[in-house]
Amino acid sequence: MTDLDFDKLMNECTFTTVRSSGSGGQHVNKVETKVMLFLNIGQSQVLSDEQKRRIQEKLKRRISQEGVLQISSDTERSQLMNKKAVIVKLEDLLGKACREEKKRIATKHTLSSVQKRLDNKKQLSEKKKRRTENF
């Protein structure tokens, strides 16, 4: 991740487990395999103000009104695998949210592309002109 200490950030995360739907048969009804991760963005000591702002802006659909980022996983049948999946999701989401976007530099059309477009327009114009001459 971009200049972010992920190990320290993991200390600020809270994990909860709940019963999961999906594959597993009778096992699903007995074991809490779904893992939910909560991270309070506003109270984080690890994140800078700029990183908090970017995360709030880019991940606003995943953040509650209290400012808590919530990520869950129930794709795996084991709690440990779902916890790993949630951590990978968090790392990926924060990495993308904190990454600085490159500004697009406007460029001009090449001379050959402009000429090609004008030639194409002339050909279409000629084609349409020939159609009206036949009638």
Protein backbone atom coordinates (compact mmCIF):
# COMPACT_ATOMS: atom_id res chain seq x y z
CA MET A 1 0.00 0.00 0.00
CA THR A 2 1.10 3.55 -0.50
CA ASP A 3 3.05 4.73 2.58
CA LEU A 4 0.54 3.07 4.93
CA ASP A 5 1.55 0.79 7.79
CA PHE A 6 -0.92 -2.02 7.34
CA ASP A 7 0.15 -3.92 10.48
CA LYS A 8 -0.63 -0.93 12.71
CA LEU A 9 -3.90 -0.41 10.86
CA MET A 10 -4.92 -4.01 11.58
CA ASN A 11 -4.68 -3.22 15.32
CA GLU A 12 -7.43 -0.63 14.83
CA CYS A 13 -9.75 -3.12 13.10
CA THR A 14 -12.52 -5.02 14.85
CA PHE A 15 -13.59 -8.45 13.67
CA THR A 16 -16.94 -10.11 14.34
CA THR A 17 -18.31 -13.43 13.18
CA VAL A 18 -21.87 -14.39 12.31
CA ARG A 19 -23.60 -17.40 10.86
CA SER A 20 -23.21 -17.55 7.13
CA SER A 21 -25.57 -18.65 4.41
CA GLY A 22 -24.39 -20.74 1.51
CA SER A 23 -22.59 -24.02 1.04
CA GLY A 24 -21.81 -26.23 4.00
CA GLY A 25 -25.01 -28.15 4.64
CA GLN A 26 -25.84 -28.74 8.30
CA HIS A 27 -22.44 -27.35 9.23
CA VAL A 28 -23.61 -23.83 8.28
CA ASN A 29 -26.31 -23.85 10.94
CA LYS A 30 -23.81 -24.59 13.73
CA VAL A 31 -20.73 -22.49 12.97
CA GLU A 32 -20.16 -18.76 12.57
CA THR A 33 -18.03 -18.61 9.43
CA LYS A 34 -18.95 -15.19 8.03
CA VAL A 35 -16.37 -12.59 9.09
CA MET A 36 -17.10 -8.87 9.27
CA LEU A 37 -14.35 -6.26 9.62
CA PHE A 38 -14.99 -2.79 11.03
CA LEU A 39 -12.57 0.14 10.84
CA ASN A 40 -13.42 3.58 12.19
CA ILE A 41 -11.87 5.87 9.60
CA GLY A 42 -12.31 9.12 11.56
CA GLN A 43 -10.63 7.82 14.74
CA SER A 44 -7.73 6.08 13.02
CA GLN A 45 -4.29 7.07 14.31
CA VAL A 46 -2.49 5.42 11.38
CA LEU A 47 -4.22 7.25 8.52
CA SER A 48 -3.29 10.82 7.64
CA ASP A 49 -5.96 13.47 7.12
CA GLU A 50 -5.45 13.31 3.35
CA GLN A 51 -5.82 9.51 3.35
CA LYS A 52 -8.97 9.76 5.48
CA ARG A 53 -10.45 12.29 3.07
CA ARG A 54 -9.71 10.12 0.05
CA ILE A 55 -11.10 7.00 1.72
CA GLN A 56 -14.26 8.86 2.79
CA GLU A 57 -14.70 10.12 -0.77
CA LYS A 58 -13.96 6.92 -2.68
CA LEU A 59 -15.53 4.37 -0.32
CA LYS A 60 -18.57 6.37 0.83
CA ARG A 61 -20.95 3.52 -0.06
CA ARG A 62 -19.13 1.17 2.33
CA ILE A 63 -18.85 3.67 5.19
CA SER A 64 -21.68 4.11 7.71
CA GLN A 65 -22.92 7.47 9.00
CA GLU A 66 -20.74 6.98 12.07
CA GLY A 67 -17.66 6.81 9.79
CA VAL A 68 -17.08 3.06 10.14
CA LEU A 69 -15.83 1.13 7.11
CA GLN A 70 -17.46 -2.32 6.97
CA ILE A 71 -16.21 -5.26 4.91
CA SER A 72 -17.51 -8.81 5.09
CA SER A 73 -16.76 -12.18 3.54
CA ASP A 74 -18.73 -15.42 3.58
CA THR A 75 -17.42 -17.05 0.42
CA GLU A 76 -15.29 -19.66 2.19
CA ARG A 77 -16.42 -22.47 4.47
CA SER A 78 -13.87 -21.71 7.20
CA GLN A 79 -13.71 -18.69 9.46
CA LEU A 80 -9.95 -18.37 9.04
CA MET A 81 -10.18 -18.27 5.23
CA ASN A 82 -12.93 -15.65 5.39
CA LYS A 83 -10.81 -13.56 7.78
CA LYS A 84 -7.92 -13.70 5.32
CA ALA A 85 -10.28 -12.75 2.49
CA VAL A 86 -11.55 -9.73 4.44
CA ILE A 87 -8.00 -8.58 5.15
CA VAL A 88 -7.08 -8.88 1.46
CA LYS A 89 -10.22 -6.91 0.52
CA LEU A 90 -9.34 -4.19 3.03
CA GLU A 91 -5.78 -3.94 1.76
CA ASP A 92 -6.99 -3.77 -1.84
CA LEU A 93 -9.71 -1.18 -1.16
CA LEU A 94 -7.47 1.10 0.90
CA GLY A 95 -4.65 0.74 -1.60
CA LYS A 96 -6.88 1.85 -4.45
CA ALA A 97 -8.53 4.62 -2.44
CA CYS A 98 -5.25 6.12 -1.19
CA ARG A 99 -3.49 5.96 -4.56
CA GLU A 100 -2.92 9.33 -6.14
CA GLU A 101 -4.60 9.67 -9.50
CA LYS A 102 -2.55 10.85 -12.42
CA LYS A 103 -3.90 13.93 -14.10
CA ARG A 104 -4.64 13.51 -17.77
CA ILE A 105 -2.53 15.63 -20.06
CA ALA A 106 -4.53 16.92 -22.99
CA THR A 107 -2.98 16.11 -26.35
CA LYS A 108 -3.70 17.29 -29.87
CA HIS A 109 -4.82 15.04 -32.69
CA THR A 110 -2.04 13.97 -35.00
CA LEU A 111 -1.94 15.53 -38.45
CA SER A 112 -2.44 12.13 -40.09
CA SER A 113 -5.51 11.33 -37.95
CA VAL A 114 -7.08 14.68 -38.84
CA GLN A 115 -6.38 14.10 -42.54
CA LYS A 116 -7.78 10.57 -42.33
CA ARG A 117 -11.00 11.86 -40.73
CA LEU A 118 -11.42 14.55 -43.40
CA ASP A 119 -10.80 12.04 -46.20
CA ASN A 120 -13.40 9.73 -44.70
CA LYS A 121 -15.90 12.59 -44.52
CA LYS A 122 -15.25 13.42 -48.19
CA GLN A 123 -15.83 9.80 -49.21
CA LEU A 124 -19.12 9.63 -47.34
CA SER A 125 -20.18 12.95 -48.83
CA GLU A 126 -19.40 11.69 -52.34
CA LYS A 127 -21.29 8.47 -51.70
CA LYS A 128 -24.40 10.36 -50.58
CA LYS A 129 -24.13 12.79 -53.49
CA ARG A 130 -24.07 9.82 -55.95
CA ARG A 131 -27.20 8.38 -54.36
CA THR A 132 -29.20 11.54 -55.01
CA GLU A 133 -27.97 11.72 -58.64
CA ASN A 134 -29.55 8.34 -59.43
CA PHE A 135 -33.05 9.56 -58.61
